[in-house]
Amino acid sequence: MEKSKITVQANISAPLEKVWQYYTQPEHIVQWNFADPSWYCPSAENDMQIGGIYKARMEAKDGSFGFDFEAVYTKIKEFENFSYEFGGRTATVTFQNLNQQTLVTVTFDPEDENPIDMQQAGWQMILNNFKSYTEAS
């Protein structure tokens, strides 16, 4: 039985071009790519082309745990959406221009280790960090 995908969204009070830039450029990714304030993203790389690799390191600030997230781009339509594959799972990020606001929607395949609601909450917290960072900058 195939699991349903999980979706998270945030309406960002910023124009589409800025939202795309802040979501895809490594110097911005390291500022928002973590679910909890006790974590951070010390490094990110993004080769945004089909077959290109996205890498982000996430670590607990106390040094107790960390992991690398790596994905390969499978589809990119600049300023509209992109998809990537990671560990046999896929995710799609869409950007909807709403004049001076941008709706960002992330849809992804769940993993088997954690409950669905926990996965959804974690990805939503990361997206909420992105919203806060982008709107404050």
C-alpha atoms as a PDB file:
ATOM      1  CA  MET A   1       0.000   0.000   0.000  1.00  0.00           C
ATOM      2  CA  GLU A   2       1.424   3.367  -1.018  1.00  0.00           C
ATOM      3  CA  LYS A   3       1.423   6.048   1.647  1.00  0.00           C
ATOM      4  CA  SER A   4      -0.206   9.405   1.073  1.00  0.00           C
ATOM      5  CA  LYS A   5       2.072  12.352   0.551  1.00  0.00           C
ATOM      6  CA  ILE A   6       2.413  15.013   3.250  1.00  0.00           C
ATOM      7  CA  THR A   7       1.857  18.692   2.433  1.00  0.00           C
ATOM      8  CA  VAL A   8       2.940  21.816   4.313  1.00  0.00           C
ATOM      9  CA  GLN A   9       2.363  25.441   3.268  1.00  0.00           C
ATOM     10  CA  ALA A  10       3.257  29.003   4.201  1.00  0.00           C
ATOM     11  CA  ASN A  11       2.115  32.305   2.754  1.00  0.00           C
ATOM     12  CA  ILE A  12       5.207  34.532   2.651  1.00  0.00           C
ATOM     13  CA  SER A  13       4.788  38.318   2.658  1.00  0.00           C
ATOM     14  CA  ALA A  14       7.443  38.861  -0.003  1.00  0.00           C
ATOM     15  CA  PRO A  15       7.555  38.930  -3.809  1.00  0.00           C
ATOM     16  CA  LEU A  16       8.091  35.691  -5.725  1.00  0.00           C
ATOM     17  CA  GLU A  17      11.643  36.467  -6.904  1.00  0.00           C
ATOM     18  CA  LYS A  18      12.857  37.118  -3.341  1.00  0.00           C
ATOM     19  CA  VAL A  19      11.139  34.000  -2.002  1.00  0.00           C
ATOM     20  CA  TRP A  20      12.700  31.837  -4.732  1.00  0.00           C
ATOM     21  CA  GLN A  21      16.151  33.328  -4.049  1.00  0.00           C
ATOM     22  CA  TYR A  22      15.930  32.874  -0.268  1.00  0.00           C
ATOM     23  CA  TYR A  23      14.677  29.296  -0.659  1.00  0.00           C
ATOM     24  CA  THR A  24      17.371  28.188  -3.118  1.00  0.00           C
ATOM     25  CA  GLN A  25      20.592  30.083  -2.341  1.00  0.00           C
ATOM     26  CA  PRO A  26      22.957  28.457   0.205  1.00  0.00           C
ATOM     27  CA  GLU A  27      23.754  31.713   2.041  1.00  0.00           C
ATOM     28  CA  HIS A  28      20.052  31.963   2.878  1.00  0.00           C
ATOM     29  CA  ILE A  29      19.342  28.230   3.370  1.00  0.00           C
ATOM     30  CA  VAL A  30      21.751  28.087   6.340  1.00  0.00           C
ATOM     31  CA  GLN A  31      19.713  30.841   8.054  1.00  0.00           C
ATOM     32  CA  TRP A  32      16.379  28.967   8.168  1.00  0.00           C
ATOM     33  CA  ASN A  33      16.821  25.246   7.435  1.00  0.00           C
ATOM     34  CA  PHE A  34      16.106  23.683  10.854  1.00  0.00           C
ATOM     35  CA  ALA A  35      12.949  22.723  12.733  1.00  0.00           C
ATOM     36  CA  ASP A  36      13.874  23.816  16.253  1.00  0.00           C
ATOM     37  CA  PRO A  37      15.910  26.724  17.726  1.00  0.00           C
ATOM     38  CA  SER A  38      18.215  24.192  19.418  1.00  0.00           C
ATOM     39  CA  TRP A  39      19.390  23.163  15.924  1.00  0.00           C
ATOM     40  CA  TYR A  40      21.166  24.955  13.096  1.00  0.00           C
ATOM     41  CA  CYS A  41      22.291  24.420   9.507  1.00  0.00           C
ATOM     42  CA  PRO A  42      26.072  25.013   9.408  1.00  0.00           C
ATOM     43  CA  SER A  43      26.437  24.382   5.667  1.00  0.00           C
ATOM     44  CA  ALA A  44      24.452  24.071   2.453  1.00  0.00           C
ATOM     45  CA  GLU A  45      25.276  23.521  -1.216  1.00  0.00           C
ATOM     46  CA  ASN A  46      22.842  23.797  -4.100  1.00  0.00           C
ATOM     47  CA  ASP A  47      23.594  22.863  -7.716  1.00  0.00           C
ATOM     48  CA  MET A  48      20.169  23.786  -9.029  1.00  0.00           C
ATOM     49  CA  GLN A  49      19.932  21.950 -12.341  1.00  0.00           C
ATOM     50  CA  ILE A  50      18.390  18.622 -13.387  1.00  0.00           C
ATOM     51  CA  GLY A  51      20.673  15.976 -11.885  1.00  0.00           C
ATOM     52  CA  GLY A  52      22.253  18.608  -9.628  1.00  0.00           C
ATOM     53  CA  ILE A  53      22.718  17.918  -5.939  1.00  0.00           C
ATOM     54  CA  TYR A  54      21.321  19.779  -2.949  1.00  0.00           C
ATOM     55  CA  LYS A  55      23.165  19.186   0.353  1.00  0.00           C
ATOM     56  CA  ALA A  56      22.452  20.591   3.787  1.00  0.00           C
ATOM     57  CA  ARG A  57      24.039  19.723   7.121  1.00  0.00           C
ATOM     58  CA  MET A  58      21.765  19.916  10.161  1.00  0.00           C
ATOM     59  CA  GLU A  59      23.152  19.726  13.692  1.00  0.00           C
ATOM     60  CA  ALA A  60      22.047  20.147  17.268  1.00  0.00           C
ATOM     61  CA  LYS A  61      23.723  23.255  18.701  1.00  0.00           C
ATOM     62  CA  ASP A  62      24.999  21.206  21.654  1.00  0.00           C
ATOM     63  CA  GLY A  63      26.822  18.855  19.256  1.00  0.00           C
ATOM     64  CA  SER A  64      24.837  15.797  20.377  1.00  0.00           C
ATOM     65  CA  PHE A  65      23.515  14.860  16.926  1.00  0.00           C
ATOM     66  CA  GLY A  66      23.691  15.837  13.277  1.00  0.00           C
ATOM     67  CA  PHE A  67      22.871  14.540   9.830  1.00  0.00           C
ATOM     68  CA  ASP A  68      23.308  15.358   6.164  1.00  0.00           C
ATOM     69  CA  PHE A  69      20.294  15.821   3.918  1.00  0.00           C
ATOM     70  CA  GLU A  70      21.100  15.184   0.257  1.00  0.00           C
ATOM     71  CA  ALA A  71      18.777  15.258  -2.745  1.00  0.00           C
ATOM     72  CA  VAL A  72      19.010  15.162  -6.548  1.00  0.00           C
ATOM     73  CA  TYR A  73      16.891  17.527  -8.671  1.00  0.00           C
ATOM     74  CA  THR A  74      14.541  15.803 -11.106  1.00  0.00           C
ATOM     75  CA  LYS A  75      12.500  18.784 -12.324  1.00  0.00           C
ATOM     76  CA  ILE A  76      12.970  22.568 -12.201  1.00  0.00           C
ATOM     77  CA  LYS A  77      10.716  25.300 -13.553  1.00  0.00           C
ATOM     78  CA  GLU A  78      12.294  28.541 -12.341  1.00  0.00           C
ATOM     79  CA  PHE A  79      10.069  30.704 -10.122  1.00  0.00           C
ATOM     80  CA  GLU A  80       7.309  28.040 -10.255  1.00  0.00           C
ATOM     81  CA  ASN A  81       8.397  24.679  -8.834  1.00  0.00           C
ATOM     82  CA  PHE A  82      11.053  22.048  -8.470  1.00  0.00           C
ATOM     83  CA  SER A  83      11.170  18.384  -7.495  1.00  0.00           C
ATOM     84  CA  TYR A  84      13.925  16.268  -6.028  1.00  0.00           C
ATOM     85  CA  GLU A  85      14.592  12.681  -4.984  1.00  0.00           C
ATOM     86  CA  PHE A  86      16.175  11.743  -1.662  1.00  0.00           C
ATOM     87  CA  GLY A  87      16.653   8.231  -0.358  1.00  0.00           C
ATOM     88  CA  GLY A  88      13.955   6.712  -2.568  1.00  0.00           C
ATOM     89  CA  ARG A  89      11.480   9.450  -1.637  1.00  0.00           C
ATOM     90  CA  THR A  90      10.431  12.549  -3.560  1.00  0.00           C
ATOM     91  CA  ALA A  91       9.426  16.107  -2.739  1.00  0.00           C
ATOM     92  CA  THR A  92       7.988  18.954  -4.797  1.00  0.00           C
ATOM     93  CA  VAL A  93       8.134  22.630  -3.831  1.00  0.00           C
ATOM     94  CA  THR A  94       5.780  25.047  -5.585  1.00  0.00           C
ATOM     95  CA  PHE A  95       5.769  28.848  -5.519  1.00  0.00           C
ATOM     96  CA  GLN A  96       2.505  30.660  -6.271  1.00  0.00           C
ATOM     97  CA  ASN A  97       2.754  34.385  -6.983  1.00  0.00           C
ATOM     98  CA  LEU A  98       0.047  36.315  -5.124  1.00  0.00           C
ATOM     99  CA  ASN A  99       1.223  39.846  -5.985  1.00  0.00           C
ATOM    100  CA  GLN A 100       3.426  40.901  -3.030  1.00  0.00           C
ATOM    101  CA  GLN A 101       2.917  37.551  -1.324  1.00  0.00           C
ATOM    102  CA  THR A 102       4.056  34.069  -2.312  1.00  0.00           C
ATOM    103  CA  LEU A 103       2.430  30.802  -1.306  1.00  0.00           C
ATOM    104  CA  VAL A 104       5.054  28.080  -0.833  1.00  0.00           C
ATOM    105  CA  THR A 105       3.784  24.496  -0.806  1.00  0.00           C
ATOM    106  CA  VAL A 106       5.998  21.496  -0.057  1.00  0.00           C
ATOM    107  CA  THR A 107       4.647  18.005  -0.776  1.00  0.00           C
ATOM    108  CA  PHE A 108       6.783  15.009   0.155  1.00  0.00           C
ATOM    109  CA  ASP A 109       6.771  11.252   0.643  1.00  0.00           C
ATOM    110  CA  PRO A 110       6.777  10.241   4.314  1.00  0.00           C
ATOM    111  CA  GLU A 111       9.463   8.009   5.765  1.00  0.00           C
ATOM    112  CA  ASP A 112       8.775   4.869   7.819  1.00  0.00           C
ATOM    113  CA  GLU A 113      10.539   5.691  11.095  1.00  0.00           C
ATOM    114  CA  ASN A 114       8.430   8.533  12.538  1.00  0.00           C
ATOM    115  CA  PRO A 115       4.678   9.167  12.794  1.00  0.00           C
ATOM    116  CA  ILE A 116       3.097  11.149   9.935  1.00  0.00           C
ATOM    117  CA  ASP A 117       2.019  14.017  12.239  1.00  0.00           C
ATOM    118  CA  MET A 118       5.574  14.351  13.586  1.00  0.00           C
ATOM    119  CA  GLN A 119       7.011  14.503  10.050  1.00  0.00           C
ATOM    120  CA  GLN A 120       4.414  17.072   8.991  1.00  0.00           C
ATOM    121  CA  ALA A 121       5.089  19.190  12.094  1.00  0.00           C
ATOM    122  CA  GLY A 122       8.864  19.103  11.523  1.00  0.00           C
ATOM    123  CA  TRP A 123       8.665  20.143   7.865  1.00  0.00           C
ATOM    124  CA  GLN A 124       6.087  22.827   8.779  1.00  0.00           C
ATOM    125  CA  MET A 125       8.433  24.249  11.440  1.00  0.00           C
ATOM    126  CA  ILE A 126      11.228  24.468   8.867  1.00  0.00           C
ATOM    127  CA  LEU A 127       8.895  26.255   6.457  1.00  0.00           C
ATOM    128  CA  ASN A 128       7.772  28.587   9.259  1.00  0.00           C
ATOM    129  CA  ASN A 129      11.455  29.415   9.938  1.00  0.00           C
ATOM    130  CA  PHE A 130      11.836  30.172   6.231  1.00  0.00           C
ATOM    131  CA  LYS A 131       8.809  32.497   6.363  1.00  0.00           C
ATOM    132  CA  SER A 132      10.140  34.349   9.424  1.00  0.00           C
ATOM    133  CA  TYR A 133      13.634  34.719   7.974  1.00  0.00           C
ATOM    134  CA  THR A 134      12.428  35.881   4.549  1.00  0.00           C
ATOM    135  CA  GLU A 135       9.923  38.392   5.891  1.00  0.00           C
ATOM    136  CA  ALA A 136      12.451  39.841   8.377  1.00  0.00           C
ATOM    137  CA  SER A 137      15.218  40.303   5.782  1.00  0.00           C
END
